[in-house]
Amino acid sequence: MSTWAEQRRAERADARAQARLDDDAAAARARQDRAAAADLADRARQQRRADRDRRRAAGRAWRAAHAVDLFIYPLAVVAAAMAIPAMAAFGLHIFGATGLLLPVLSELGMWAFAGAVTTSRRQTPDRPTGWLTAGIGVFAAVGFGLNFAHGLSKSGIVTGLVMAVVSVAGVAAHQLVTATARLTRAERAAARLARAAARREHTARRIATRRAVVALAADGTATLLYTPGTYQPRRRRLVPTVVPGLPVTDGWDAALVDLDPTGGPAEPDLWADPITEPDQHESASESGGIAVADPPAPPPAGWAPRRPIDPKARQKTSPTDAAKAARRIAKRQGRPLTADQLRTALQIAPKLARELRDQINSELFGS
């Protein structure tokens, strides 16, 4: 009997302990739920506060960016509020019920083109908007004329002028403020330089295209071949020029160097001064001059000849003599010349060397 009673007491004690544990667990879950709900509510409040701050910042930024527009668009709204009802009444008087649509033509047409100009300049700044701007002028003239006719028919010329001016005042103010980009002085200077550079590049490309060589393929397709180098645009031609710090080479030199891997003449004696006595004898024989009849007598034994003094050593080579010497070098070499060869051999300026190269190569080799 005692054993059963003790067992019952133990079971009741276990039940009470389990109930306390369940109550504690329920209270803990409730506390966790309340904390989670409070955390969610706090996060929601923070999110709402962040969204409100973001909207306020966006509104402030928009107002700062459109501060001028906020002063101009009310003028347009006031002008439209006065002109549209008057033009609707005028259209109703002339066309009947369909005349109520007359403000769409007289007032909204110019605003449609004004909005198109602004949108085009913001989305595609490089696209021209001349015809859209012309549309603003055309429909502004239409609105001006219709409102003037309305006022003239009602009360006279003064009323017509007032109604016409009110009709176009809004779009005129809009175009004065928002049609053109408001640039700083530095931005305007940079834009002028960019336009000048673009015009110069276009001029050079147009001249180069006009003087380019056409390469025809077997299927009839044509390809333009240009001569690379540094040039100065001069009216209708490109003049080769020398830029300090850059090598004095151009397309001719690059092409002719490929013919000679050493980058120079294959015969060593081509680098000798051509304005010497042997070349003068050779030139005389080419031009039909009189050669030396008899060689001079041999010098006596023990006599050492001095180095001959060239009387023309301190004289500059004339373009005619340089051309003759360049022609002899080309004949002796048997292939086209380069500007570096002539400049080193004849001791002449780079510009004259290029001119002689083009002249001699065209005469002797047809290129």
Protein backbone atom coordinates (compact mmCIF):
# COMPACT_ATOMS: atom_id res chain seq x y z
CA MET A 1 0.00 0.00 0.00
CA SER A 2 2.74 2.38 0.91
CA THR A 3 4.53 1.57 -2.28
CA TRP A 4 1.53 2.59 -4.37
CA ALA A 5 1.12 5.87 -2.51
CA GLU A 6 4.77 6.72 -2.89
CA GLN A 7 4.53 5.95 -6.60
CA ARG A 8 1.51 8.25 -6.91
CA ARG A 9 3.32 11.04 -5.09
CA ALA A 10 6.34 10.59 -7.34
CA GLU A 11 4.16 10.73 -10.45
CA ARG A 12 2.41 13.88 -9.24
CA ALA A 13 5.78 15.47 -8.47
CA ASP A 14 7.04 14.56 -11.96
CA ALA A 15 3.88 15.95 -13.48
CA ARG A 16 4.29 19.23 -11.58
CA ALA A 17 7.94 19.46 -12.64
CA GLN A 18 7.04 18.78 -16.25
CA ALA A 19 4.30 21.42 -16.08
CA ARG A 20 6.81 23.93 -14.72
CA LEU A 21 9.21 23.04 -17.54
CA ASP A 22 6.44 23.45 -20.10
CA ASP A 23 5.48 26.80 -18.62
CA ASP A 24 9.09 27.96 -18.68
CA ALA A 25 9.47 26.83 -22.30
CA ALA A 26 6.24 28.59 -23.29
CA ALA A 27 7.38 31.77 -21.55
CA ALA A 28 10.75 31.58 -23.30
CA ARG A 29 9.05 31.10 -26.66
CA ALA A 30 6.77 34.02 -25.93
CA ARG A 31 9.74 36.21 -25.03
CA GLN A 32 11.49 35.12 -28.23
CA ASP A 33 8.39 35.87 -30.27
CA ARG A 34 8.05 39.29 -28.68
CA ALA A 35 11.75 40.03 -29.32
CA ALA A 36 11.45 38.88 -32.93
CA ALA A 37 8.34 40.98 -33.43
CA ALA A 38 10.06 43.99 -31.88
CA ASP A 39 13.07 43.43 -34.11
CA LEU A 40 10.89 43.19 -37.19
CA ALA A 41 9.02 46.32 -36.19
CA ASP A 42 12.31 48.13 -35.62
CA ARG A 43 13.63 47.01 -39.01
CA ALA A 44 10.39 48.11 -40.66
CA ARG A 45 10.66 51.51 -38.99
CA GLN A 46 14.29 51.83 -40.10
CA GLN A 47 13.36 50.83 -43.66
CA ARG A 48 10.51 53.35 -43.74
CA ARG A 49 12.83 56.02 -42.37
CA ALA A 50 15.52 55.16 -44.97
CA ASP A 51 12.93 55.22 -47.77
CA ARG A 52 11.63 58.57 -46.55
CA ASP A 53 15.16 60.00 -46.40
CA ARG A 54 15.91 58.62 -49.85
CA ARG A 55 12.77 60.18 -51.29
CA ARG A 56 13.57 63.48 -49.65
CA ALA A 57 17.14 63.39 -50.97
CA ALA A 58 15.89 62.54 -54.45
CA GLY A 59 13.37 65.38 -54.23
CA ARG A 60 16.05 67.82 -53.12
CA ALA A 61 18.35 66.68 -55.92
CA TRP A 62 15.56 67.01 -58.49
CA ARG A 63 14.65 70.47 -57.24
CA ALA A 64 18.29 71.52 -57.35
CA ALA A 65 18.69 70.20 -60.91
CA HIS A 66 15.40 71.76 -62.09
CA ALA A 67 15.46 74.95 -60.07
CA VAL A 68 15.25 77.07 -63.21
CA ASP A 69 12.49 74.91 -64.69
CA LEU A 70 10.40 75.40 -61.56
CA PHE A 71 10.37 79.14 -62.29
CA ILE A 72 9.69 78.77 -66.03
CA TYR A 73 7.02 76.09 -66.24
CA PRO A 74 4.50 78.04 -64.12
CA LEU A 75 4.68 80.76 -66.77
CA ALA A 76 3.88 78.18 -69.43
CA VAL A 77 0.98 76.81 -67.36
CA VAL A 78 -0.50 80.30 -66.86
CA ALA A 79 -0.14 81.10 -70.59
CA ALA A 80 -1.79 77.80 -71.54
CA ALA A 81 -4.60 78.33 -69.03
CA MET A 82 -5.48 81.63 -70.71
CA ALA A 83 -4.90 80.65 -74.34
CA ILE A 84 -6.44 77.16 -74.52
CA PRO A 85 -10.01 78.08 -73.41
CA ALA A 86 -10.05 81.15 -75.66
CA MET A 87 -8.84 79.14 -78.66
CA ALA A 88 -11.35 76.36 -77.87
CA ALA A 89 -14.17 78.91 -77.91
CA PHE A 90 -12.84 80.32 -81.18
CA GLY A 91 -12.74 76.84 -82.72
CA LEU A 92 -16.25 76.09 -81.46
CA HIS A 93 -17.50 79.28 -83.09
CA ILE A 94 -15.91 78.39 -86.46
CA PHE A 95 -16.01 74.58 -86.71
CA GLY A 96 -18.68 73.64 -84.24
CA ALA A 97 -18.08 70.81 -81.77
CA THR A 98 -14.94 69.61 -83.53
CA GLY A 99 -13.48 73.09 -83.13
CA LEU A 100 -12.83 72.28 -79.48
CA LEU A 101 -9.73 70.45 -80.74
CA LEU A 102 -8.26 73.64 -82.22
CA PRO A 103 -5.97 74.27 -79.16
CA VAL A 104 -4.23 70.99 -79.94
CA LEU A 105 -2.99 72.59 -83.14
CA SER A 106 -2.48 76.14 -81.93
CA GLU A 107 -1.08 75.57 -78.42
CA LEU A 108 0.02 71.96 -77.96
CA GLY A 109 1.76 71.61 -81.33
CA MET A 110 4.65 73.90 -80.43
CA TRP A 111 4.93 72.27 -77.01
CA ALA A 112 5.14 68.84 -78.61
CA PHE A 113 8.14 69.94 -80.68
CA ALA A 114 9.68 71.70 -77.66
CA GLY A 115 9.47 68.48 -75.66
CA ALA A 116 10.94 66.53 -78.57
CA VAL A 117 13.92 68.91 -78.75
CA THR A 118 14.60 68.65 -75.02
CA THR A 119 14.30 64.85 -75.01
CA SER A 120 16.53 64.45 -78.06
CA ARG A 121 19.25 66.66 -76.61
CA ARG A 122 19.24 64.80 -73.31
CA GLN A 123 19.18 61.27 -74.71
CA THR A 124 21.27 61.72 -77.89
CA PRO A 125 23.32 64.94 -77.54
CA ASP A 126 25.17 64.36 -80.83
CA ARG A 127 22.02 64.12 -82.94
CA PRO A 128 21.08 67.38 -84.71
CA THR A 129 17.78 68.97 -83.74
CA GLY A 130 17.51 71.66 -86.40
CA TRP A 131 14.29 70.37 -87.96
CA LEU A 132 12.64 69.91 -84.55
CA THR A 133 13.55 73.49 -83.65
CA ALA A 134 12.10 74.60 -86.98
CA GLY A 135 8.89 72.76 -86.02
CA ILE A 136 8.70 74.85 -82.84
CA GLY A 137 8.94 78.01 -84.91
CA VAL A 138 6.34 76.85 -87.43
CA PHE A 139 3.71 75.87 -84.85
CA ALA A 140 4.47 78.95 -82.73
CA ALA A 141 3.75 81.03 -85.83
CA VAL A 142 0.51 79.08 -86.34
CA GLY A 143 -0.57 79.71 -82.75
CA PHE A 144 0.41 83.37 -82.95
CA GLY A 145 -1.60 83.86 -86.14
CA LEU A 146 -4.70 82.06 -84.89
CA ASN A 147 -4.77 83.93 -81.59
CA PHE A 148 -4.16 87.22 -83.35
CA ALA A 149 -7.03 86.50 -85.73
CA HIS A 150 -9.27 85.60 -82.78
CA GLY A 151 -8.50 88.81 -80.91
CA LEU A 152 -8.76 90.91 -84.05
CA SER A 153 -12.21 89.50 -84.79
CA LYS A 154 -13.43 90.22 -81.28
CA SER A 155 -12.10 93.63 -80.23
CA GLY A 156 -9.40 94.85 -82.57
CA ILE A 157 -5.67 94.78 -83.15
CA VAL A 158 -4.64 95.38 -79.52
CA THR A 159 -6.63 92.41 -78.30
CA GLY A 160 -5.22 90.30 -81.10
CA LEU A 161 -1.65 91.19 -80.21
CA VAL A 162 -2.21 90.47 -76.52
CA MET A 163 -3.75 87.08 -77.20
CA ALA A 164 -1.02 86.19 -79.71
CA VAL A 165 1.79 87.15 -77.32
CA VAL A 166 0.19 85.21 -74.45
CA SER A 167 -0.08 82.17 -76.72
CA VAL A 168 3.65 81.96 -77.50
CA ALA A 169 5.05 83.43 -74.27
CA GLY A 170 5.30 80.10 -72.47
CA VAL A 171 7.15 78.21 -75.19
CA ALA A 172 9.41 81.21 -75.82
CA ALA A 173 10.44 81.27 -72.15
CA HIS A 174 10.97 77.51 -72.22
CA GLN A 175 13.22 77.69 -75.25
CA LEU A 176 15.27 80.56 -73.82
CA VAL A 177 16.07 78.55 -70.70
CA THR A 178 16.03 74.85 -71.56
CA ALA A 179 16.57 74.59 -75.32
CA THR A 180 20.34 75.06 -75.16
CA ALA A 181 22.70 73.48 -72.66
CA ARG A 182 24.01 75.84 -69.99
CA LEU A 183 27.79 75.33 -70.13
CA THR A 184 30.59 76.90 -68.17
CA ARG A 185 33.32 78.94 -69.82
CA ALA A 186 35.77 76.02 -69.63
CA GLU A 187 33.21 73.65 -71.16
CA ARG A 188 32.52 76.09 -74.00
CA ALA A 189 36.27 76.44 -74.68
CA ALA A 190 36.68 72.65 -74.69
CA ALA A 191 33.72 72.32 -77.07
CA ARG A 192 35.25 74.88 -79.45
CA LEU A 193 38.58 73.01 -79.44
CA ALA A 194 36.80 69.70 -80.07
CA ARG A 195 34.90 71.20 -83.02
CA ALA A 196 38.11 72.67 -84.47
CA ALA A 197 39.90 69.32 -84.13
CA ALA A 198 36.98 67.50 -85.76
CA ARG A 199 36.97 69.95 -88.70
CA ARG A 200 40.72 69.50 -89.20
CA GLU A 201 40.46 65.72 -89.09
CA HIS A 202 37.59 65.81 -91.55
CA THR A 203 39.59 68.03 -93.91
CA ALA A 204 42.61 65.72 -93.77
CA ARG A 205 40.46 62.62 -94.35
CA ARG A 206 38.67 64.25 -97.27
CA ILE A 207 41.98 65.20 -98.96
CA ALA A 208 43.48 61.77 -98.26
CA THR A 209 40.40 60.03 -99.66
CA ARG A 210 40.50 62.14 -102.80
CA ARG A 211 44.19 61.30 -103.38
CA ALA A 212 44.08 57.66 -102.25
CA VAL A 213 44.99 54.86 -104.65
CA VAL A 214 42.24 52.36 -105.50
CA ALA A 215 43.10 48.66 -105.36
CA LEU A 216 40.63 46.54 -107.34
CA ALA A 217 40.18 42.89 -106.42
CA ALA A 218 39.30 40.11 -108.83
CA ASP A 219 35.63 40.26 -107.82
CA GLY A 220 35.47 43.99 -108.55
CA THR A 221 35.54 45.25 -104.97
CA ALA A 222 37.60 48.40 -104.45
CA THR A 223 39.84 49.24 -101.51
CA LEU A 224 41.44 52.60 -100.88
CA LEU A 225 45.16 52.56 -100.12
CA TYR A 226 46.62 55.46 -98.15
CA THR A 227 50.22 56.55 -97.65
CA PRO A 228 50.87 56.73 -93.91
CA GLY A 229 52.95 59.57 -92.53
CA THR A 230 52.77 63.01 -90.98
CA TYR A 231 51.19 65.70 -93.13
CA GLN A 232 50.04 69.30 -92.96
CA PRO A 233 46.67 69.98 -94.64
CA ARG A 234 47.13 72.77 -97.21
CA ARG A 235 43.93 73.63 -99.06
CA ARG A 236 43.51 70.66 -101.44
CA ARG A 237 46.67 68.69 -100.68
CA LEU A 238 48.55 67.09 -97.81
CA VAL A 239 52.11 68.37 -97.47
CA PRO A 240 54.59 65.99 -95.77
CA THR A 241 55.98 67.60 -92.64
CA VAL A 242 58.55 66.84 -89.97
CA VAL A 243 57.39 66.66 -86.35
CA PRO A 244 60.08 67.21 -83.69
CA GLY A 245 60.66 64.04 -81.74
CA LEU A 246 59.38 61.72 -84.46
CA PRO A 247 61.59 59.89 -87.02
CA VAL A 248 61.78 61.47 -90.47
CA THR A 249 60.14 58.60 -92.32
CA ASP A 250 56.95 58.16 -94.25
CA GLY A 251 55.21 55.53 -96.32
CA TRP A 252 57.78 55.61 -99.16
CA ASP A 253 60.65 54.90 -96.79
CA ALA A 254 58.77 52.13 -95.02
CA ALA A 255 57.96 50.43 -98.32
CA LEU A 256 61.44 50.82 -99.80
CA VAL A 257 63.21 49.61 -96.69
CA ASP A 258 61.35 46.33 -97.13
CA LEU A 259 63.18 45.91 -100.45
CA ASP A 260 66.56 46.13 -98.68
CA PRO A 261 66.70 44.31 -95.30
CA THR A 262 69.76 46.33 -94.26
CA GLY A 263 67.74 49.54 -94.47
CA GLY A 264 70.19 51.18 -96.89
CA PRO A 265 71.85 50.78 -100.25
CA ALA A 266 73.34 47.46 -101.22
CA GLU A 267 76.44 49.08 -102.79
CA PRO A 268 78.82 50.78 -100.32
CA ASP A 269 80.08 53.38 -102.79
CA LEU A 270 76.61 54.92 -103.03
CA TRP A 271 77.22 56.76 -99.80
CA ALA A 272 80.15 58.68 -101.25
CA ASP A 273 79.73 62.35 -102.07
CA PRO A 274 78.34 62.45 -105.63
CA ILE A 275 79.49 66.03 -106.21
CA THR A 276 83.10 64.96 -106.82
CA GLU A 277 85.43 64.80 -109.77
CA PRO A 278 84.49 61.23 -110.95
CA ASP A 279 80.78 62.13 -110.85
CA GLN A 280 81.47 65.34 -112.70
CA HIS A 281 83.28 63.38 -115.42
CA GLU A 282 80.36 60.95 -115.51
CA SER A 283 77.91 63.83 -115.73
CA ALA A 284 79.92 65.40 -118.50
CA SER A 285 79.90 62.14 -120.47
CA GLU A 286 76.11 61.84 -119.97
CA SER A 287 75.47 65.38 -121.14
CA GLY A 288 77.82 65.20 -124.12
CA GLY A 289 80.70 67.12 -122.55
CA ILE A 290 84.40 66.81 -123.49
CA ALA A 291 86.32 64.10 -121.60
CA VAL A 292 89.98 64.32 -120.63
CA ALA A 293 92.21 63.55 -123.66
CA ASP A 294 95.36 62.15 -122.03
CA PRO A 295 95.95 61.06 -118.43
CA PRO A 296 98.44 63.19 -116.46
CA ALA A 297 102.09 62.14 -116.22
CA PRO A 298 103.05 59.93 -113.27
CA PRO A 299 104.56 61.81 -110.28
CA PRO A 300 108.35 61.50 -109.62
CA ALA A 301 109.64 58.94 -107.18
CA GLY A 302 109.40 59.91 -103.53
CA TRP A 303 106.72 62.51 -104.08
CA ALA A 304 103.74 62.25 -101.75
CA PRO A 305 100.56 63.93 -103.03
CA ARG A 306 98.72 66.25 -100.74
CA ARG A 307 95.07 65.98 -100.09
CA PRO A 308 93.31 68.00 -102.82
CA ILE A 309 91.30 70.99 -101.76
CA ASP A 310 87.81 71.03 -103.11
CA PRO A 311 86.85 74.66 -103.90
CA LYS A 312 83.15 73.77 -103.56
CA ALA A 313 83.49 72.16 -100.15
CA ARG A 314 81.98 75.18 -98.37
CA GLN A 315 79.27 75.75 -100.95
CA LYS A 316 75.72 74.47 -100.56
CA THR A 317 74.42 71.95 -103.06
CA SER A 318 71.86 73.53 -105.33
CA PRO A 319 68.58 71.70 -106.03
CA THR A 320 69.62 71.18 -109.68
CA ASP A 321 72.96 69.57 -108.74
CA ALA A 322 71.26 67.51 -106.05
CA ALA A 323 68.72 66.24 -108.60
CA LYS A 324 71.52 65.25 -111.02
CA ALA A 325 73.40 63.46 -108.25
CA ALA A 326 70.24 61.68 -107.09
CA ARG A 327 69.54 60.57 -110.66
CA ARG A 328 73.07 59.11 -110.93
CA ILE A 329 72.65 57.27 -107.62
CA ALA A 330 69.35 55.76 -108.77
CA LYS A 331 70.86 54.63 -112.11
CA ARG A 332 73.87 53.11 -110.39
CA GLN A 333 71.73 51.41 -107.74
CA GLY A 334 69.07 50.13 -110.13
CA ARG A 335 66.17 50.38 -107.70
CA PRO A 336 64.04 53.16 -106.07
CA LEU A 337 65.66 55.55 -103.67
CA THR A 338 64.72 56.40 -100.11
CA ALA A 339 64.72 59.80 -98.45
CA ASP A 340 67.28 58.71 -95.84
CA GLN A 341 69.71 57.62 -98.57
CA LEU A 342 69.53 60.96 -100.32
CA ARG A 343 69.65 62.97 -97.13
CA THR A 344 72.80 61.17 -95.92
CA ALA A 345 74.52 60.97 -99.30
CA LEU A 346 73.87 64.51 -100.48
CA GLN A 347 73.81 66.25 -97.07
CA ILE A 348 70.55 67.98 -97.85
CA ALA A 349 67.44 68.81 -95.87
CA PRO A 350 64.82 66.08 -95.24
CA LYS A 351 62.14 67.97 -97.18
CA LEU A 352 64.36 68.29 -100.29
CA ALA A 353 65.35 64.63 -99.93
CA ARG A 354 61.70 63.53 -100.03
CA GLU A 355 60.96 65.75 -103.01
CA LEU A 356 63.95 64.40 -104.95
CA ARG A 357 63.02 60.84 -104.01
CA ASP A 358 59.50 61.24 -105.41
CA GLN A 359 60.79 63.01 -108.55
CA ILE A 360 63.59 60.55 -109.38
CA ASN A 361 61.54 57.44 -108.58
CA SER A 362 58.71 58.70 -110.80
CA GLU A 363 61.10 59.48 -113.68
CA LEU A 364 63.17 56.28 -113.62
CA PHE A 365 60.92 53.65 -112.08
CA GLY A 366 57.41 54.96 -112.72
CA SER A 367 56.33 54.81 -109.07
